[in-house]
């Protein structure tokens, strides 16, 4: 039987910040597309590699806890990062309240 449901990413243009949970480093970017299971964000070429990082993404009214699963270099020199969403746990929510809102 063929699966009829699909979860496709849709275009969603928004400014974003990616926060590395370990170092608290913040990387600013532009959301390219989004779905309930992940998103893609374009960052400047000089942004550090994020592959394998445990991150929290804030984009306008959205907050996503995710793993960075892929980086693709674009023709204009920027890079697009692909994220897979993770389920929020109690410790991640506590982390958000304690660290992200400090600035």
C-alpha atoms as a PDB file:
ATOM      1  CA  UNK A   1       0.000   0.000   0.000  1.00  0.00           C
ATOM      2  CA  UNK A   2       1.364   3.408  -0.961  1.00  0.00           C
ATOM      3  CA  UNK A   3       1.582   6.119   1.713  1.00  0.00           C
ATOM      4  CA  UNK A   4      -0.727   8.984   0.737  1.00  0.00           C
ATOM      5  CA  UNK A   5       0.432  11.512   3.287  1.00  0.00           C
ATOM      6  CA  UNK A   6       3.484  13.646   2.620  1.00  0.00           C
ATOM      7  CA  UNK A   7       5.196  16.246   4.706  1.00  0.00           C
ATOM      8  CA  UNK A   8       6.788  18.616   2.239  1.00  0.00           C
ATOM      9  CA  UNK A   9       8.814  21.670   3.090  1.00  0.00           C
ATOM     10  CA  UNK A  10       7.277  24.972   2.075  1.00  0.00           C
ATOM     11  CA  UNK A  11       9.010  28.261   1.357  1.00  0.00           C
ATOM     12  CA  UNK A  12       9.182  30.433   4.478  1.00  0.00           C
ATOM     13  CA  UNK A  13      11.341  33.565   4.399  1.00  0.00           C
ATOM     14  CA  UNK A  14      12.324  34.779   7.878  1.00  0.00           C
ATOM     15  CA  UNK A  15      15.393  35.965   9.746  1.00  0.00           C
ATOM     16  CA  UNK A  16      16.720  33.372  12.155  1.00  0.00           C
ATOM     17  CA  UNK A  17      19.315  32.669  14.806  1.00  0.00           C
ATOM     18  CA  UNK A  18      20.892  29.249  15.320  1.00  0.00           C
ATOM     19  CA  UNK A  19      22.216  28.633  18.835  1.00  0.00           C
ATOM     20  CA  UNK A  20      24.745  25.865  19.481  1.00  0.00           C
ATOM     21  CA  UNK A  21      23.671  24.311  22.802  1.00  0.00           C
ATOM     22  CA  UNK A  22      27.227  23.427  23.811  1.00  0.00           C
ATOM     23  CA  UNK A  23      29.066  26.676  23.092  1.00  0.00           C
ATOM     24  CA  UNK A  24      26.102  29.126  23.065  1.00  0.00           C
ATOM     25  CA  UNK A  25      27.529  30.476  19.801  1.00  0.00           C
ATOM     26  CA  UNK A  26      24.877  32.270  17.724  1.00  0.00           C
ATOM     27  CA  UNK A  27      24.790  32.173  13.939  1.00  0.00           C
ATOM     28  CA  UNK A  28      22.401  34.407  12.050  1.00  0.00           C
ATOM     29  CA  UNK A  29      20.742  33.320   8.824  1.00  0.00           C
ATOM     30  CA  UNK A  30      17.725  33.407   6.559  1.00  0.00           C
ATOM     31  CA  UNK A  31      15.151  30.598   6.645  1.00  0.00           C
ATOM     32  CA  UNK A  32      14.694  29.119   3.190  1.00  0.00           C
ATOM     33  CA  UNK A  33      11.982  26.521   3.812  1.00  0.00           C
ATOM     34  CA  UNK A  34      10.296  24.684   6.654  1.00  0.00           C
ATOM     35  CA  UNK A  35       8.207  21.643   7.560  1.00  0.00           C
ATOM     36  CA  UNK A  36       7.076  20.111  10.849  1.00  0.00           C
ATOM     37  CA  UNK A  37      10.101  17.788  10.613  1.00  0.00           C
ATOM     38  CA  UNK A  38      12.846  20.252   9.735  1.00  0.00           C
ATOM     39  CA  UNK A  39      13.988  23.360   7.942  1.00  0.00           C
ATOM     40  CA  UNK A  40      16.726  24.814   5.767  1.00  0.00           C
ATOM     41  CA  UNK A  41      18.562  28.033   6.633  1.00  0.00           C
ATOM     42  CA  UNK A  42      21.051  29.976   4.522  1.00  0.00           C
ATOM     43  CA  UNK A  43      24.076  31.374   6.373  1.00  0.00           C
ATOM     44  CA  UNK A  44      27.110  33.411   5.304  1.00  0.00           C
ATOM     45  CA  UNK A  45      30.085  31.489   3.945  1.00  0.00           C
ATOM     46  CA  UNK A  46      32.265  32.415   6.939  1.00  0.00           C
ATOM     47  CA  UNK A  47      29.863  30.817   9.447  1.00  0.00           C
ATOM     48  CA  UNK A  48      31.447  27.840  11.242  1.00  0.00           C
ATOM     49  CA  UNK A  49      30.477  24.303  10.278  1.00  0.00           C
ATOM     50  CA  UNK A  50      27.506  23.058  12.265  1.00  0.00           C
ATOM     51  CA  UNK A  51      27.315  19.441  11.062  1.00  0.00           C
ATOM     52  CA  UNK A  52      26.352  17.110  13.900  1.00  0.00           C
ATOM     53  CA  UNK A  53      25.592  19.966  16.305  1.00  0.00           C
ATOM     54  CA  UNK A  54      22.703  20.016  18.748  1.00  0.00           C
ATOM     55  CA  UNK A  55      21.032  23.391  18.095  1.00  0.00           C
ATOM     56  CA  UNK A  56      18.040  25.527  18.897  1.00  0.00           C
ATOM     57  CA  UNK A  57      16.661  27.685  16.095  1.00  0.00           C
ATOM     58  CA  UNK A  58      14.577  30.801  16.595  1.00  0.00           C
ATOM     59  CA  UNK A  59      12.854  32.237  13.513  1.00  0.00           C
ATOM     60  CA  UNK A  60      10.250  34.940  14.085  1.00  0.00           C
ATOM     61  CA  UNK A  61       7.485  33.076  15.959  1.00  0.00           C
ATOM     62  CA  UNK A  62       9.037  29.599  15.644  1.00  0.00           C
ATOM     63  CA  UNK A  63      11.423  27.728  17.919  1.00  0.00           C
ATOM     64  CA  UNK A  64      12.876  24.394  16.819  1.00  0.00           C
ATOM     65  CA  UNK A  65      15.229  21.982  18.566  1.00  0.00           C
ATOM     66  CA  UNK A  66      17.206  20.183  15.862  1.00  0.00           C
ATOM     67  CA  UNK A  67      20.260  18.340  14.601  1.00  0.00           C
ATOM     68  CA  UNK A  68      22.274  19.776  11.715  1.00  0.00           C
ATOM     69  CA  UNK A  69      22.323  17.003   9.126  1.00  0.00           C
ATOM     70  CA  UNK A  70      23.693  18.608   5.968  1.00  0.00           C
ATOM     71  CA  UNK A  71      25.530  21.664   4.634  1.00  0.00           C
ATOM     72  CA  UNK A  72      25.398  22.624   0.952  1.00  0.00           C
ATOM     73  CA  UNK A  73      27.512  25.352  -0.643  1.00  0.00           C
ATOM     74  CA  UNK A  74      25.474  27.705  -2.831  1.00  0.00           C
ATOM     75  CA  UNK A  75      26.651  29.401  -6.041  1.00  0.00           C
ATOM     76  CA  UNK A  76      26.682  32.842  -4.372  1.00  0.00           C
ATOM     77  CA  UNK A  77      29.153  31.659  -1.706  1.00  0.00           C
ATOM     78  CA  UNK A  78      26.605  31.184   1.087  1.00  0.00           C
ATOM     79  CA  UNK A  79      25.842  27.794   2.639  1.00  0.00           C
ATOM     80  CA  UNK A  80      22.468  26.190   3.253  1.00  0.00           C
ATOM     81  CA  UNK A  81      22.149  24.133   6.424  1.00  0.00           C
ATOM     82  CA  UNK A  82      19.550  21.360   6.670  1.00  0.00           C
ATOM     83  CA  UNK A  83      18.027  20.565  10.064  1.00  0.00           C
ATOM     84  CA  UNK A  84      16.003  17.616  11.367  1.00  0.00           C
ATOM     85  CA  UNK A  85      13.660  18.558  14.168  1.00  0.00           C
ATOM     86  CA  UNK A  86      13.933  16.840  17.544  1.00  0.00           C
ATOM     87  CA  UNK A  87      11.256  16.516  20.191  1.00  0.00           C
ATOM     88  CA  UNK A  88      11.625  18.997  23.044  1.00  0.00           C
ATOM     89  CA  UNK A  89      12.532  17.335  26.322  1.00  0.00           C
ATOM     90  CA  UNK A  90      12.139  18.861  29.764  1.00  0.00           C
ATOM     91  CA  UNK A  91      15.878  19.582  30.035  1.00  0.00           C
ATOM     92  CA  UNK A  92      15.923  21.382  26.657  1.00  0.00           C
ATOM     93  CA  UNK A  93      12.947  23.523  27.635  1.00  0.00           C
ATOM     94  CA  UNK A  94      14.667  24.374  30.912  1.00  0.00           C
ATOM     95  CA  UNK A  95      17.797  25.249  28.959  1.00  0.00           C
ATOM     96  CA  UNK A  96      15.781  27.617  26.767  1.00  0.00           C
ATOM     97  CA  UNK A  97      14.402  29.458  29.749  1.00  0.00           C
ATOM     98  CA  UNK A  98      17.799  29.725  31.450  1.00  0.00           C
ATOM     99  CA  UNK A  99      20.107  30.586  28.528  1.00  0.00           C
ATOM    100  CA  UNK A 100      18.450  31.891  25.389  1.00  0.00           C
ATOM    101  CA  UNK A 101      16.467  34.702  26.982  1.00  0.00           C
ATOM    102  CA  UNK A 102      19.502  36.240  28.724  1.00  0.00           C
ATOM    103  CA  UNK A 103      20.370  38.652  25.876  1.00  0.00           C
END
